[in-house]
């Protein structure tokens, strides 16, 4: 029973901290999520047909794609 006041206090502090965060907004008021994603990846959107039904690439195949 002694844990409940401590838990409630920690939750209140966490919520207050989150509410105080300055979130960039777009003109219509929605959160601006642009610029937060790293798109530097070698993963294609569609899986090339040359790999067939393989669940993963071998190290050699990955190096070939990387070049």
PDB file of N, CA and C in Angstrom:
ATOM      1  N   UNK A   1       0.820  -1.193   0.000  1.00  0.00           N
ATOM      2  CA  UNK A   1       0.000   0.000   0.000  1.00  0.00           C
ATOM      3  C   UNK A   1       0.864   1.257   0.000  1.00  0.00           C
ATOM      4  N   UNK A   2       2.076   1.179   0.524  1.00  0.00           N
ATOM      5  CA  UNK A   2       2.952   2.343   0.551  1.00  0.00           C
ATOM      6  C   UNK A   2       3.491   2.689  -0.826  1.00  0.00           C
ATOM      7  N   UNK A   3       3.401   1.781  -1.773  1.00  0.00           N
ATOM      8  CA  UNK A   3       3.915   2.041  -3.118  1.00  0.00           C
ATOM      9  C   UNK A   3       2.977   2.925  -3.926  1.00  0.00           C
ATOM     10  N   UNK A   4       1.718   2.935  -3.626  1.00  0.00           N
ATOM     11  CA  UNK A   4       0.756   3.683  -4.437  1.00  0.00           C
ATOM     12  C   UNK A   4       1.007   5.190  -4.437  1.00  0.00           C
ATOM     13  N   UNK A   5       1.273   5.836  -3.306  1.00  0.00           N
ATOM     14  CA  UNK A   5       1.564   7.276  -3.363  1.00  0.00           C
ATOM     15  C   UNK A   5       2.834   7.571  -4.166  1.00  0.00           C
ATOM     16  N   UNK A   6       3.836   6.734  -4.033  1.00  0.00           N
ATOM     17  CA  UNK A   6       5.069   6.928  -4.793  1.00  0.00           C
ATOM     18  C   UNK A   6       4.809   6.747  -6.284  1.00  0.00           C
ATOM     19  N   UNK A   7       4.064   5.727  -6.636  1.00  0.00           N
ATOM     20  CA  UNK A   7       3.734   5.485  -8.045  1.00  0.00           C
ATOM     21  C   UNK A   7       2.937   6.641  -8.615  1.00  0.00           C
ATOM     22  N   UNK A   8       1.983   7.139  -7.855  1.00  0.00           N
ATOM     23  CA  UNK A   8       1.164   8.262  -8.314  1.00  0.00           C
ATOM     24  C   UNK A   8       2.016   9.510  -8.499  1.00  0.00           C
ATOM     25  N   UNK A   9       2.958   9.742  -7.608  1.00  0.00           N
ATOM     26  CA  UNK A   9       3.841  10.903  -7.725  1.00  0.00           C
ATOM     27  C   UNK A   9       4.727  10.801  -8.961  1.00  0.00           C
ATOM     28  N   UNK A  10       5.288   9.635  -9.187  1.00  0.00           N
ATOM     29  CA  UNK A  10       6.141   9.442 -10.362  1.00  0.00           C
ATOM     30  C   UNK A  10       5.350   9.593 -11.654  1.00  0.00           C
ATOM     31  N   UNK A  11       4.137   9.095 -11.665  1.00  0.00           N
ATOM     32  CA  UNK A  11       3.286   9.238 -12.841  1.00  0.00           C
ATOM     33  C   UNK A  11       2.956  10.701 -13.091  1.00  0.00           C
ATOM     34  N   UNK A  12       2.649  11.450 -12.049  1.00  0.00           N
ATOM     35  CA  UNK A  12       2.334  12.871 -12.194  1.00  0.00           C
ATOM     36  C   UNK A  12       3.530  13.645 -12.734  1.00  0.00           C
ATOM     37  N   UNK A  13       4.716  13.327 -12.254  1.00  0.00           N
ATOM     38  CA  UNK A  13       5.928  13.997 -12.742  1.00  0.00           C
ATOM     39  C   UNK A  13       6.164  13.671 -14.212  1.00  0.00           C
ATOM     40  N   UNK A  14       5.987  12.419 -14.587  1.00  0.00           N
ATOM     41  CA  UNK A  14       6.190  12.014 -15.981  1.00  0.00           C
ATOM     42  C   UNK A  14       5.192  12.705 -16.899  1.00  0.00           C
ATOM     43  N   UNK A  15       3.948  12.788 -16.485  1.00  0.00           N
ATOM     44  CA  UNK A  15       2.930  13.444 -17.307  1.00  0.00           C
ATOM     45  C   UNK A  15       3.190  14.942 -17.420  1.00  0.00           C
ATOM     46  N   UNK A  16       3.619  15.565 -16.345  1.00  0.00           N
ATOM     47  CA  UNK A  16       3.920  16.993 -16.381  1.00  0.00           C
ATOM     48  C   UNK A  16       5.104  17.269 -17.301  1.00  0.00           C
ATOM     49  N   UNK A  17       6.095  16.402 -17.286  1.00  0.00           N
ATOM     50  CA  UNK A  17       7.259  16.572 -18.158  1.00  0.00           C
ATOM     51  C   UNK A  17       6.871  16.428 -19.622  1.00  0.00           C
ATOM     52  N   UNK A  18       6.023  15.466 -19.911  1.00  0.00           N
ATOM     53  CA  UNK A  18       5.589  15.252 -21.290  1.00  0.00           C
ATOM     54  C   UNK A  18       4.746  16.420 -21.773  1.00  0.00           C
ATOM     55  N   UNK A  19       3.914  16.973 -20.912  1.00  0.00           N
ATOM     56  CA  UNK A  19       3.062  18.095 -21.304  1.00  0.00           C
ATOM     57  C   UNK A  19       3.888  19.349 -21.548  1.00  0.00           C
ATOM     58  N   UNK A  20       5.017  19.478 -20.876  1.00  0.00           N
ATOM     59  CA  UNK A  20       5.852  20.661 -21.014  1.00  0.00           C
ATOM     60  C   UNK A  20       6.735  20.605 -22.259  1.00  0.00           C
ATOM     61  N   UNK A  21       6.805  19.475 -22.925  1.00  0.00           N
ATOM     62  CA  UNK A  21       7.652  19.341 -24.112  1.00  0.00           C
ATOM     63  C   UNK A  21       7.135  20.238 -25.231  1.00  0.00           C
ATOM     64  N   UNK A  22       8.050  20.926 -25.888  1.00  0.00           N
ATOM     65  CA  UNK A  22       7.687  21.823 -26.982  1.00  0.00           C
ATOM     66  C   UNK A  22       7.673  21.024 -28.280  1.00  0.00           C
ATOM     67  N   UNK A  23       6.487  20.689 -28.747  1.00  0.00           N
ATOM     68  CA  UNK A  23       6.325  19.888 -29.953  1.00  0.00           C
ATOM     69  C   UNK A  23       6.068  20.828 -31.124  1.00  0.00           C
ATOM     70  N   UNK A  24       6.905  20.773 -32.164  1.00  0.00           N
ATOM     71  CA  UNK A  24       6.655  21.627 -33.326  1.00  0.00           C
ATOM     72  C   UNK A  24       5.346  21.245 -34.000  1.00  0.00           C
ATOM     73  N   UNK A  25       4.607  22.245 -34.441  1.00  0.00           N
ATOM     74  CA  UNK A  25       3.298  22.029 -35.055  1.00  0.00           C
ATOM     75  C   UNK A  25       3.270  22.619 -36.458  1.00  0.00           C
ATOM     76  N   UNK A  26       2.423  22.038 -37.309  1.00  0.00           N
ATOM     77  CA  UNK A  26       2.200  22.587 -38.642  1.00  0.00           C
ATOM     78  C   UNK A  26       1.188  23.720 -38.535  1.00  0.00           C
ATOM     79  N   UNK A  27       0.894  24.365 -39.654  1.00  0.00           N
ATOM     80  CA  UNK A  27      -0.041  25.486 -39.657  1.00  0.00           C
ATOM     81  C   UNK A  27      -1.431  25.087 -39.179  1.00  0.00           C
ATOM     82  N   UNK A  28      -1.836  23.845 -39.426  1.00  0.00           N
ATOM     83  CA  UNK A  28      -3.175  23.419 -38.993  1.00  0.00           C
ATOM     84  C   UNK A  28      -3.185  22.839 -37.582  1.00  0.00           C
ATOM     85  N   UNK A  29      -2.049  22.865 -36.880  1.00  0.00           N
ATOM     86  CA  UNK A  29      -2.011  22.446 -35.485  1.00  0.00           C
ATOM     87  C   UNK A  29      -1.611  21.007 -35.231  1.00  0.00           C
ATOM     88  N   UNK A  30      -1.429  20.222 -36.264  1.00  0.00           N
ATOM     89  CA  UNK A  30      -1.014  18.831 -36.068  1.00  0.00           C
ATOM     90  C   UNK A  30       0.496  18.778 -35.830  1.00  0.00           C
ATOM     91  N   UNK A  31       0.994  17.763 -35.140  1.00  0.00           N
ATOM     92  CA  UNK A  31       2.436  17.666 -34.896  1.00  0.00           C
ATOM     93  C   UNK A  31       3.222  17.591 -36.208  1.00  0.00           C
ATOM     94  N   UNK A  32       4.309  18.339 -36.268  1.00  0.00           N
ATOM     95  CA  UNK A  32       5.161  18.354 -37.453  1.00  0.00           C
ATOM     96  C   UNK A  32       6.178  17.228 -37.335  1.00  0.00           C
ATOM     97  N   UNK A  33       5.992  16.178 -38.109  1.00  0.00           N
ATOM     98  CA  UNK A  33       6.867  15.009 -38.049  1.00  0.00           C
ATOM     99  C   UNK A  33       7.925  15.003 -39.146  1.00  0.00           C
ATOM    100  N   UNK A  34       8.008  16.043 -39.922  1.00  0.00           N
ATOM    101  CA  UNK A  34       8.990  16.075 -41.000  1.00  0.00           C
ATOM    102  C   UNK A  34      10.393  16.221 -40.424  1.00  0.00           C
ATOM    103  N   UNK A  35      11.325  15.539 -41.041  1.00  0.00           N
ATOM    104  CA  UNK A  35      12.708  15.653 -40.636  1.00  0.00           C
ATOM    105  C   UNK A  35      13.128  14.769 -39.482  1.00  0.00           C
ATOM    106  N   UNK A  36      12.303  13.858 -39.062  1.00  0.00           N
ATOM    107  CA  UNK A  36      12.635  13.012 -37.925  1.00  0.00           C
ATOM    108  C   UNK A  36      12.942  11.572 -38.318  1.00  0.00           C
ATOM    109  N   UNK A  37      13.003  11.286 -39.597  1.00  0.00           N
ATOM    110  CA  UNK A  37      13.167   9.906 -40.028  1.00  0.00           C
ATOM    111  C   UNK A  37      14.450   9.745 -40.817  1.00  0.00           C
ATOM    112  N   UNK A  38      15.168   8.689 -40.552  1.00  0.00           N
ATOM    113  CA  UNK A  38      16.385   8.371 -41.279  1.00  0.00           C
ATOM    114  C   UNK A  38      16.012   7.454 -42.437  1.00  0.00           C
ATOM    115  N   UNK A  39      16.142   7.967 -43.648  1.00  0.00           N
ATOM    116  CA  UNK A  39      15.780   7.172 -44.815  1.00  0.00           C
ATOM    117  C   UNK A  39      17.013   6.600 -45.508  1.00  0.00           C
ATOM    118  N   UNK A  40      18.160   6.676 -44.851  1.00  0.00           N
ATOM    119  CA  UNK A  40      19.393   6.138 -45.410  1.00  0.00           C
ATOM    120  C   UNK A  40      19.433   4.637 -45.154  1.00  0.00           C
ATOM    121  N   UNK A  41      18.729   3.894 -45.965  1.00  0.00           N
ATOM    122  CA  UNK A  41      18.655   2.454 -45.790  1.00  0.00           C
ATOM    123  C   UNK A  41      18.792   1.768 -47.139  1.00  0.00           C
ATOM    124  N   UNK A  42      19.288   0.572 -47.127  1.00  0.00           N
ATOM    125  CA  UNK A  42      19.406  -0.200 -48.355  1.00  0.00           C
ATOM    126  C   UNK A  42      18.200  -1.102 -48.570  1.00  0.00           C
ATOM    127  N   UNK A  43      17.243  -1.056 -47.669  1.00  0.00           N
ATOM    128  CA  UNK A  43      16.071  -1.914 -47.757  1.00  0.00           C
ATOM    129  C   UNK A  43      15.114  -1.371 -48.814  1.00  0.00           C
ATOM    130  N   UNK A  44      14.870  -2.118 -49.877  1.00  0.00           N
ATOM    131  CA  UNK A  44      13.941  -1.643 -50.906  1.00  0.00           C
ATOM    132  C   UNK A  44      12.494  -1.759 -50.422  1.00  0.00           C
ATOM    133  N   UNK A  45      11.619  -0.957 -51.017  1.00  0.00           N
ATOM    134  CA  UNK A  45      10.204  -1.023 -50.666  1.00  0.00           C
ATOM    135  C   UNK A  45       9.622  -2.358 -51.110  1.00  0.00           C
ATOM    136  N   UNK A  46       9.937  -2.757 -52.324  1.00  0.00           N
ATOM    137  CA  UNK A  46       9.482  -4.048 -52.846  1.00  0.00           C
ATOM    138  C   UNK A  46      10.674  -4.993 -52.927  1.00  0.00           C
ATOM    139  N   UNK A  47      10.456  -6.220 -52.525  1.00  0.00           N
ATOM    140  CA  UNK A  47      11.534  -7.216 -52.560  1.00  0.00           C
ATOM    141  C   UNK A  47      11.817  -7.607 -54.010  1.00  0.00           C
ATOM    142  N   UNK A  48      13.084  -7.510 -54.441  1.00  0.00           N
ATOM    143  CA  UNK A  48      13.427  -7.903 -55.803  1.00  0.00           C
ATOM    144  C   UNK A  48      13.119  -9.385 -56.044  1.00  0.00           C
ATOM    145  N   UNK A  49      12.626  -9.694 -57.220  1.00  0.00           N
ATOM    146  CA  UNK A  49      12.241 -11.063 -57.552  1.00  0.00           C
ATOM    147  C   UNK A  49      13.434 -12.005 -57.625  1.00  0.00           C
ATOM    148  N   UNK A  50      14.635 -11.470 -57.816  1.00  0.00           N
ATOM    149  CA  UNK A  50      15.813 -12.336 -57.934  1.00  0.00           C
ATOM    150  C   UNK A  50      16.104 -13.102 -56.647  1.00  0.00           C
ATOM    151  N   UNK A  51      15.563 -12.656 -55.527  1.00  0.00           N
ATOM    152  CA  UNK A  51      15.800 -13.336 -54.258  1.00  0.00           C
ATOM    153  C   UNK A  51      14.780 -14.419 -53.976  1.00  0.00           C
ATOM    154  N   UNK A  52      13.754 -14.512 -54.791  1.00  0.00           N
ATOM    155  CA  UNK A  52      12.772 -15.584 -54.652  1.00  0.00           C
ATOM    156  C   UNK A  52      12.123 -15.633 -53.282  1.00  0.00           C
ATOM    157  N   UNK A  53      12.049 -16.830 -52.715  1.00  0.00           N
ATOM    158  CA  UNK A  53      11.391 -17.032 -51.423  1.00  0.00           C
ATOM    159  C   UNK A  53      12.371 -17.049 -50.249  1.00  0.00           C
ATOM    160  N   UNK A  54      13.606 -16.601 -50.471  1.00  0.00           N
ATOM    161  CA  UNK A  54      14.585 -16.573 -49.378  1.00  0.00           C
ATOM    162  C   UNK A  54      14.102 -15.639 -48.277  1.00  0.00           C
ATOM    163  N   UNK A  55      14.168 -16.101 -47.038  1.00  0.00           N
ATOM    164  CA  UNK A  55      13.722 -15.287 -45.907  1.00  0.00           C
ATOM    165  C   UNK A  55      14.731 -14.194 -45.560  1.00  0.00           C
ATOM    166  N   UNK A  56      15.988 -14.392 -45.946  1.00  0.00           N
ATOM    167  CA  UNK A  56      17.026 -13.412 -45.646  1.00  0.00           C
ATOM    168  C   UNK A  56      18.102 -13.481 -46.713  1.00  0.00           C
ATOM    169  N   UNK A  57      18.960 -12.463 -46.736  1.00  0.00           N
ATOM    170  CA  UNK A  57      20.060 -12.412 -47.691  1.00  0.00           C
ATOM    171  C   UNK A  57      21.327 -12.951 -47.043  1.00  0.00           C
ATOM    172  N   UNK A  58      22.164 -13.555 -47.856  1.00  0.00           N
ATOM    173  CA  UNK A  58      23.478 -13.954 -47.370  1.00  0.00           C
ATOM    174  C   UNK A  58      24.348 -12.700 -47.301  1.00  0.00           C
ATOM    175  N   UNK A  59      25.462 -12.797 -46.636  1.00  0.00           N
ATOM    176  CA  UNK A  59      26.375 -11.664 -46.530  1.00  0.00           C
ATOM    177  C   UNK A  59      26.857 -11.236 -47.917  1.00  0.00           C
ATOM    178  N   UNK A  60      27.100 -12.198 -48.790  1.00  0.00           N
ATOM    179  CA  UNK A  60      27.554 -11.892 -50.148  1.00  0.00           C
ATOM    180  C   UNK A  60      26.478 -11.129 -50.926  1.00  0.00           C
ATOM    181  N   UNK A  61      25.228 -11.560 -50.813  1.00  0.00           N
ATOM    182  CA  UNK A  61      24.138 -10.875 -51.502  1.00  0.00           C
ATOM    183  C   UNK A  61      23.981  -9.445 -50.986  1.00  0.00           C
ATOM    184  N   UNK A  62      24.090  -9.263 -49.690  1.00  0.00           N
ATOM    185  CA  UNK A  62      23.960  -7.928 -49.109  1.00  0.00           C
ATOM    186  C   UNK A  62      25.083  -7.014 -49.587  1.00  0.00           C
ATOM    187  N   UNK A  63      26.305  -7.543 -49.656  1.00  0.00           N
ATOM    188  CA  UNK A  63      27.433  -6.741 -50.135  1.00  0.00           C
ATOM    189  C   UNK A  63      27.265  -6.388 -51.607  1.00  0.00           C
ATOM    190  N   UNK A  64      26.704  -7.296 -52.380  1.00  0.00           N
ATOM    191  CA  UNK A  64      26.472  -7.048 -53.802  1.00  0.00           C
ATOM    192  C   UNK A  64      25.476  -5.905 -53.986  1.00  0.00           C
ATOM    193  N   UNK A  65      24.446  -5.888 -53.196  1.00  0.00           N
ATOM    194  CA  UNK A  65      23.444  -4.820 -53.281  1.00  0.00           C
ATOM    195  C   UNK A  65      24.041  -3.495 -52.831  1.00  0.00           C
ATOM    196  N   UNK A  66      24.864  -3.543 -51.809  1.00  0.00           N
ATOM    197  CA  UNK A  66      25.452  -2.339 -51.241  1.00  0.00           C
ATOM    198  C   UNK A  66      26.321  -1.609 -52.255  1.00  0.00           C
ATOM    199  N   UNK A  67      26.949  -2.352 -53.156  1.00  0.00           N
ATOM    200  CA  UNK A  67      27.833  -1.746 -54.161  1.00  0.00           C
ATOM    201  C   UNK A  67      27.014  -1.132 -55.211  1.00  0.00           C
TER     202      UNK A  67
END
